[in-house]
Amino acid sequence: MFGKKQESWLIVGLGNPGKEYERTRHNCGFRALDILADKLGCKVDKAKFQGLYGQTVVNGLKLYLLKPLTYMNLSGRSVLQLSAYFQIPPQRIIVIFDDISLEVGRLRVRSNGSAGGHNGIKSIISELGSQEFPRVKVGVGAKPHPEQDLADWVLSGFTALEEKALKTALDNAGDAALCLIEKGVMEAANRYNAK
């Protein structure tokens, strides 16, 4: 087992609060976290640390699930507050978020890396002072036209066909995070990067 008993881990789903953003490309992190919380029977309903969080125990490990409510560009504030309070180092913070460089429905597990232009990740790196945190990227597709505004694209919704492809990815994203905790990044990447 990768995670040691009594260790605490944090899984963060990135998104924007508010009904108007619920089904947008930028909210895949929120949606994946909701699915994972359901599977674990964990209510993500405690309002603190500028977000909503819940806590549960999985195979002897303390697990915190967090949805920052700061809006995407300031997500790091919420992540830093919770991780500092519960003394969770960056290496045990897994972030689930949308990635425009992956086709809709593809997943990519990574051990660390730059922000790659993602404002939520940029904020987390800035607040934590580290990019050494694992992540699960959910493909939302590239802009159809190069001149299209990126913000407009990530705040747009999915087609019915895309939603179909996305369903499995959102379901698998949380499983990939749990696999990463239990078996390590390599195993999670081998198992889920092709999906």
C-alpha atoms as a PDB file:
ATOM      1  CA  MET A   1       0.000   0.000   0.000  1.00  0.00           C
ATOM      2  CA  PHE A   2       1.380   3.395  -1.021  1.00  0.00           C
ATOM      3  CA  GLY A   3      -0.321   5.575   1.583  1.00  0.00           C
ATOM      4  CA  LYS A   4       0.646   4.786   5.194  1.00  0.00           C
ATOM      5  CA  LYS A   5      -2.021   4.255   7.838  1.00  0.00           C
ATOM      6  CA  GLN A   6      -2.976   7.439   9.688  1.00  0.00           C
ATOM      7  CA  GLU A   7      -1.687   9.616   6.856  1.00  0.00           C
ATOM      8  CA  SER A   8      -3.972  12.376   5.678  1.00  0.00           C
ATOM      9  CA  TRP A   9      -4.620  13.027   1.987  1.00  0.00           C
ATOM     10  CA  LEU A  10      -6.523  15.805   0.274  1.00  0.00           C
ATOM     11  CA  ILE A  11      -8.397  15.436  -3.015  1.00  0.00           C
ATOM     12  CA  VAL A  12      -9.402  18.762  -4.549  1.00  0.00           C
ATOM     13  CA  GLY A  13     -11.921  19.178  -7.370  1.00  0.00           C
ATOM     14  CA  LEU A  14     -11.598  22.497  -9.190  1.00  0.00           C
ATOM     15  CA  GLY A  15     -14.526  24.508 -10.499  1.00  0.00           C
ATOM     16  CA  ASN A  16     -16.527  27.711 -10.117  1.00  0.00           C
ATOM     17  CA  PRO A  17     -19.418  28.052  -7.650  1.00  0.00           C
ATOM     18  CA  GLY A  18     -22.860  28.995  -8.945  1.00  0.00           C
ATOM     19  CA  LYS A  19     -25.589  27.363 -11.000  1.00  0.00           C
ATOM     20  CA  GLU A  20     -24.511  29.053 -14.239  1.00  0.00           C
ATOM     21  CA  TYR A  21     -21.141  27.249 -14.159  1.00  0.00           C
ATOM     22  CA  GLU A  22     -22.334  23.799 -13.109  1.00  0.00           C
ATOM     23  CA  ARG A  23     -22.156  22.038 -16.488  1.00  0.00           C
ATOM     24  CA  THR A  24     -19.276  23.989 -18.033  1.00  0.00           C
ATOM     25  CA  ARG A  25     -15.925  22.539 -19.129  1.00  0.00           C
ATOM     26  CA  HIS A  26     -14.167  24.321 -16.268  1.00  0.00           C
ATOM     27  CA  ASN A  27     -16.281  22.482 -13.674  1.00  0.00           C
ATOM     28  CA  CYS A  28     -15.162  18.909 -14.359  1.00  0.00           C
ATOM     29  CA  GLY A  29     -13.209  18.869 -11.103  1.00  0.00           C
ATOM     30  CA  PHE A  30     -16.321  19.678  -9.065  1.00  0.00           C
ATOM     31  CA  ARG A  31     -18.347  17.043 -10.916  1.00  0.00           C
ATOM     32  CA  ALA A  32     -15.708  14.317 -10.518  1.00  0.00           C
ATOM     33  CA  LEU A  33     -15.378  15.107  -6.809  1.00  0.00           C
ATOM     34  CA  ASP A  34     -19.164  14.882  -6.337  1.00  0.00           C
ATOM     35  CA  ILE A  35     -19.162  11.413  -7.925  1.00  0.00           C
ATOM     36  CA  LEU A  36     -16.262  10.278  -5.732  1.00  0.00           C
ATOM     37  CA  ALA A  37     -17.943  11.674  -2.602  1.00  0.00           C
ATOM     38  CA  ASP A  38     -21.102   9.709  -3.482  1.00  0.00           C
ATOM     39  CA  LYS A  39     -19.117   6.484  -3.891  1.00  0.00           C
ATOM     40  CA  LEU A  40     -17.398   7.000  -0.551  1.00  0.00           C
ATOM     41  CA  GLY A  41     -20.578   8.086   1.229  1.00  0.00           C
ATOM     42  CA  CYS A  42     -18.812  11.312   2.179  1.00  0.00           C
ATOM     43  CA  LYS A  43     -20.806  14.549   2.447  1.00  0.00           C
ATOM     44  CA  VAL A  44     -18.848  17.536   1.114  1.00  0.00           C
ATOM     45  CA  ASP A  45     -20.887  20.078   3.045  1.00  0.00           C
ATOM     46  CA  LYS A  46     -18.697  21.670   5.718  1.00  0.00           C
ATOM     47  CA  ALA A  47     -18.256  25.363   4.896  1.00  0.00           C
ATOM     48  CA  LYS A  48     -14.739  26.390   5.905  1.00  0.00           C
ATOM     49  CA  PHE A  49     -11.367  27.267   4.343  1.00  0.00           C
ATOM     50  CA  GLN A  50     -13.160  29.306   1.627  1.00  0.00           C
ATOM     51  CA  GLY A  51     -14.677  26.095   0.307  1.00  0.00           C
ATOM     52  CA  LEU A  52     -16.857  23.083   1.010  1.00  0.00           C
ATOM     53  CA  TYR A  53     -15.155  20.008   2.374  1.00  0.00           C
ATOM     54  CA  GLY A  54     -15.857  16.595   3.804  1.00  0.00           C
ATOM     55  CA  GLN A  55     -13.747  13.967   5.495  1.00  0.00           C
ATOM     56  CA  THR A  56     -13.788  10.199   5.548  1.00  0.00           C
ATOM     57  CA  VAL A  57     -11.501   7.220   6.154  1.00  0.00           C
ATOM     58  CA  VAL A  58     -10.515   4.880   3.319  1.00  0.00           C
ATOM     59  CA  ASN A  59      -8.444   1.784   4.158  1.00  0.00           C
ATOM     60  CA  GLY A  60      -7.192   3.425   7.330  1.00  0.00           C
ATOM     61  CA  LEU A  61      -6.234   6.681   5.609  1.00  0.00           C
ATOM     62  CA  LYS A  62      -7.827  10.002   6.476  1.00  0.00           C
ATOM     63  CA  LEU A  63      -9.180  11.544   3.301  1.00  0.00           C
ATOM     64  CA  TYR A  64     -10.380  15.131   2.853  1.00  0.00           C
ATOM     65  CA  LEU A  65     -12.428  16.144  -0.184  1.00  0.00           C
ATOM     66  CA  LEU A  66     -12.484  19.844  -1.067  1.00  0.00           C
ATOM     67  CA  LYS A  67     -14.339  22.108  -3.499  1.00  0.00           C
ATOM     68  CA  PRO A  68     -12.839  25.625  -3.323  1.00  0.00           C
ATOM     69  CA  LEU A  69     -15.564  28.291  -3.575  1.00  0.00           C
ATOM     70  CA  THR A  70     -13.154  31.135  -4.378  1.00  0.00           C
ATOM     71  CA  TYR A  71     -13.665  30.986  -8.162  1.00  0.00           C
ATOM     72  CA  MET A  72     -11.020  29.259 -10.225  1.00  0.00           C
ATOM     73  CA  ASN A  73      -8.305  31.937 -10.216  1.00  0.00           C
ATOM     74  CA  LEU A  74      -8.032  31.926  -6.421  1.00  0.00           C
ATOM     75  CA  SER A  75      -8.421  28.171  -5.771  1.00  0.00           C
ATOM     76  CA  GLY A  76      -5.015  27.996  -4.114  1.00  0.00           C
ATOM     77  CA  ARG A  77      -6.191  30.059  -1.145  1.00  0.00           C
ATOM     78  CA  SER A  78      -8.710  27.407  -0.153  1.00  0.00           C
ATOM     79  CA  VAL A  79      -6.259  24.539  -0.792  1.00  0.00           C
ATOM     80  CA  LEU A  80      -3.553  26.215   1.293  1.00  0.00           C
ATOM     81  CA  GLN A  81      -5.890  26.933   4.222  1.00  0.00           C
ATOM     82  CA  LEU A  82      -7.171  23.365   4.511  1.00  0.00           C
ATOM     83  CA  SER A  83      -3.803  21.680   3.886  1.00  0.00           C
ATOM     84  CA  ALA A  84      -2.057  23.949   6.426  1.00  0.00           C
ATOM     85  CA  TYR A  85      -4.746  23.349   9.045  1.00  0.00           C
ATOM     86  CA  PHE A  86      -4.609  19.550   8.707  1.00  0.00           C
ATOM     87  CA  GLN A  87      -0.845  19.505   7.979  1.00  0.00           C
ATOM     88  CA  ILE A  88      -1.071  17.851   4.566  1.00  0.00           C
ATOM     89  CA  PRO A  89       2.059  18.335   2.418  1.00  0.00           C
ATOM     90  CA  PRO A  90       1.786  19.058  -1.360  1.00  0.00           C
ATOM     91  CA  GLN A  91       2.830  15.479  -2.199  1.00  0.00           C
ATOM     92  CA  ARG A  92      -0.406  14.268  -0.602  1.00  0.00           C
ATOM     93  CA  ILE A  93      -2.693  16.803  -2.322  1.00  0.00           C
ATOM     94  CA  ILE A  94      -4.346  15.469  -5.490  1.00  0.00           C
ATOM     95  CA  VAL A  95      -6.045  17.985  -7.771  1.00  0.00           C
ATOM     96  CA  ILE A  96      -8.718  16.969 -10.307  1.00  0.00           C
ATOM     97  CA  PHE A  97      -9.250  19.546 -13.056  1.00  0.00           C
ATOM     98  CA  ASP A  98     -10.150  20.180 -16.690  1.00  0.00           C
ATOM     99  CA  ASP A  99      -7.508  20.059 -19.460  1.00  0.00           C
ATOM    100  CA  ILE A 100      -8.058  21.523 -22.939  1.00  0.00           C
ATOM    101  CA  SER A 101      -5.046  19.687 -24.381  1.00  0.00           C
ATOM    102  CA  LEU A 102      -6.808  16.322 -23.947  1.00  0.00           C
ATOM    103  CA  GLU A 103      -9.742  15.046 -25.981  1.00  0.00           C
ATOM    104  CA  VAL A 104     -13.082  15.017 -24.165  1.00  0.00           C
ATOM    105  CA  GLY A 105     -13.242  11.961 -21.944  1.00  0.00           C
ATOM    106  CA  ARG A 106      -9.488  11.257 -21.726  1.00  0.00           C
ATOM    107  CA  LEU A 107      -7.706  11.171 -18.377  1.00  0.00           C
ATOM    108  CA  ARG A 108      -4.088  11.886 -17.556  1.00  0.00           C
ATOM    109  CA  VAL A 109      -2.481  11.225 -14.168  1.00  0.00           C
ATOM    110  CA  ARG A 110       0.665  13.231 -13.391  1.00  0.00           C
ATOM    111  CA  SER A 111       2.939  13.392 -10.337  1.00  0.00           C
ATOM    112  CA  ASN A 112       3.682  17.125 -10.687  1.00  0.00           C
ATOM    113  CA  GLY A 113       4.334  19.832 -13.288  1.00  0.00           C
ATOM    114  CA  SER A 114       3.710  23.409 -14.321  1.00  0.00           C
ATOM    115  CA  ALA A 115       0.314  25.102 -14.522  1.00  0.00           C
ATOM    116  CA  GLY A 116       0.156  24.654 -18.294  1.00  0.00           C
ATOM    117  CA  GLY A 117      -1.928  27.821 -18.568  1.00  0.00           C
ATOM    118  CA  HIS A 118      -4.594  26.610 -16.109  1.00  0.00           C
ATOM    119  CA  ASN A 119      -5.443  29.441 -13.702  1.00  0.00           C
ATOM    120  CA  GLY A 120      -6.620  27.166 -10.900  1.00  0.00           C
ATOM    121  CA  ILE A 121      -3.362  25.194 -10.949  1.00  0.00           C
ATOM    122  CA  LYS A 122      -1.389  28.446 -11.256  1.00  0.00           C
ATOM    123  CA  SER A 123      -3.071  29.695  -8.069  1.00  0.00           C
ATOM    124  CA  ILE A 124      -2.380  26.443  -6.175  1.00  0.00           C
ATOM    125  CA  ILE A 125       1.310  26.442  -7.199  1.00  0.00           C
ATOM    126  CA  SER A 126       1.597  30.079  -6.136  1.00  0.00           C
ATOM    127  CA  GLU A 127      -0.071  29.565  -2.736  1.00  0.00           C
ATOM    128  CA  LEU A 128       1.659  26.276  -1.868  1.00  0.00           C
ATOM    129  CA  GLY A 129       5.015  27.475  -3.221  1.00  0.00           C
ATOM    130  CA  SER A 130       5.348  24.101  -4.916  1.00  0.00           C
ATOM    131  CA  GLN A 131       4.292  22.278  -8.075  1.00  0.00           C
ATOM    132  CA  GLU A 132       5.103  18.904  -6.508  1.00  0.00           C
ATOM    133  CA  PHE A 133       1.498  17.797  -6.104  1.00  0.00           C
ATOM    134  CA  PRO A 134      -0.139  14.957  -8.079  1.00  0.00           C
ATOM    135  CA  ARG A 135      -3.031  15.660 -10.386  1.00  0.00           C
ATOM    136  CA  VAL A 136      -5.734  13.985 -12.431  1.00  0.00           C
ATOM    137  CA  LYS A 137      -6.528  15.874 -15.629  1.00  0.00           C
ATOM    138  CA  VAL A 138      -9.911  15.432 -17.305  1.00  0.00           C
ATOM    139  CA  GLY A 139      -9.942  16.132 -21.045  1.00  0.00           C
ATOM    140  CA  VAL A 140     -12.476  18.755 -22.147  1.00  0.00           C
ATOM    141  CA  GLY A 141     -11.238  19.256 -25.718  1.00  0.00           C
ATOM    142  CA  ALA A 142      -9.349  22.036 -27.472  1.00  0.00           C
ATOM    143  CA  LYS A 143     -10.906  25.267 -28.732  1.00  0.00           C
ATOM    144  CA  PRO A 144     -12.564  24.577 -32.109  1.00  0.00           C
ATOM    145  CA  HIS A 145     -11.179  27.852 -33.530  1.00  0.00           C
ATOM    146  CA  PRO A 146      -7.748  29.266 -32.588  1.00  0.00           C
ATOM    147  CA  GLU A 147      -9.151  32.810 -32.409  1.00  0.00           C
ATOM    148  CA  GLN A 148     -11.883  31.824 -29.932  1.00  0.00           C
ATOM    149  CA  ASP A 149     -11.457  33.328 -26.459  1.00  0.00           C
ATOM    150  CA  LEU A 150     -10.145  30.693 -24.040  1.00  0.00           C
ATOM    151  CA  ALA A 151     -12.343  31.888 -21.158  1.00  0.00           C
ATOM    152  CA  ASP A 152     -15.436  31.622 -23.383  1.00  0.00           C
ATOM    153  CA  TRP A 153     -14.437  28.082 -24.348  1.00  0.00           C
ATOM    154  CA  VAL A 154     -13.838  26.706 -20.836  1.00  0.00           C
ATOM    155  CA  LEU A 155     -17.041  28.364 -19.605  1.00  0.00           C
ATOM    156  CA  SER A 156     -19.070  26.760 -22.391  1.00  0.00           C
ATOM    157  CA  GLY A 157     -21.100  23.574 -21.993  1.00  0.00           C
ATOM    158  CA  PHE A 158     -20.708  20.144 -23.573  1.00  0.00           C
ATOM    159  CA  THR A 159     -22.677  18.677 -26.462  1.00  0.00           C
ATOM    160  CA  ALA A 160     -24.823  15.608 -25.735  1.00  0.00           C
ATOM    161  CA  LEU A 161     -22.195  13.443 -27.485  1.00  0.00           C
ATOM    162  CA  GLU A 162     -19.388  14.944 -25.408  1.00  0.00           C
ATOM    163  CA  GLU A 163     -21.357  14.401 -22.202  1.00  0.00           C
ATOM    164  CA  LYS A 164     -21.496  10.708 -23.079  1.00  0.00           C
ATOM    165  CA  ALA A 165     -17.705  10.514 -23.440  1.00  0.00           C
ATOM    166  CA  LEU A 166     -17.233  12.618 -20.319  1.00  0.00           C
ATOM    167  CA  LYS A 167     -19.417  10.441 -18.090  1.00  0.00           C
ATOM    168  CA  THR A 168     -16.883   7.605 -17.869  1.00  0.00           C
ATOM    169  CA  ALA A 169     -13.979  10.006 -17.380  1.00  0.00           C
ATOM    170  CA  LEU A 170     -15.689  11.791 -14.484  1.00  0.00           C
ATOM    171  CA  ASP A 171     -16.479   8.419 -12.935  1.00  0.00           C
ATOM    172  CA  ASN A 172     -12.879   7.224 -13.353  1.00  0.00           C
ATOM    173  CA  ALA A 173     -11.184  10.452 -12.197  1.00  0.00           C
ATOM    174  CA  GLY A 174     -11.935   9.861  -8.517  1.00  0.00           C
ATOM    175  CA  ASP A 175     -10.986   6.184  -8.836  1.00  0.00           C
ATOM    176  CA  ALA A 176      -7.676   7.285 -10.379  1.00  0.00           C
ATOM    177  CA  ALA A 177      -7.063   9.547  -7.357  1.00  0.00           C
ATOM    178  CA  LEU A 178      -7.750   6.668  -4.947  1.00  0.00           C
ATOM    179  CA  CYS A 179      -5.511   4.362  -6.994  1.00  0.00           C
ATOM    180  CA  LEU A 180      -2.761   6.992  -6.846  1.00  0.00           C
ATOM    181  CA  ILE A 181      -3.021   7.082  -3.052  1.00  0.00           C
ATOM    182  CA  GLU A 182      -2.992   3.306  -2.655  1.00  0.00           C
ATOM    183  CA  LYS A 183      -0.671   2.180  -5.447  1.00  0.00           C
ATOM    184  CA  GLY A 184       1.320   5.261  -6.460  1.00  0.00           C
ATOM    185  CA  VAL A 185       1.402   7.556  -9.501  1.00  0.00           C
ATOM    186  CA  MET A 186       2.869   5.006 -11.947  1.00  0.00           C
ATOM    187  CA  GLU A 187       0.167   2.431 -11.298  1.00  0.00           C
ATOM    188  CA  ALA A 188      -2.613   5.028 -11.525  1.00  0.00           C
ATOM    189  CA  ALA A 189      -1.153   6.401 -14.772  1.00  0.00           C
ATOM    190  CA  ASN A 190      -0.819   2.901 -16.275  1.00  0.00           C
ATOM    191  CA  ARG A 191      -4.357   2.065 -15.336  1.00  0.00           C
ATOM    192  CA  TYR A 192      -6.162   5.291 -16.265  1.00  0.00           C
ATOM    193  CA  ASN A 193      -4.119   7.312 -18.773  1.00  0.00           C
ATOM    194  CA  ALA A 194      -5.329   5.225 -21.694  1.00  0.00           C
ATOM    195  CA  LYS A 195      -8.997   5.661 -20.749  1.00  0.00           C
END
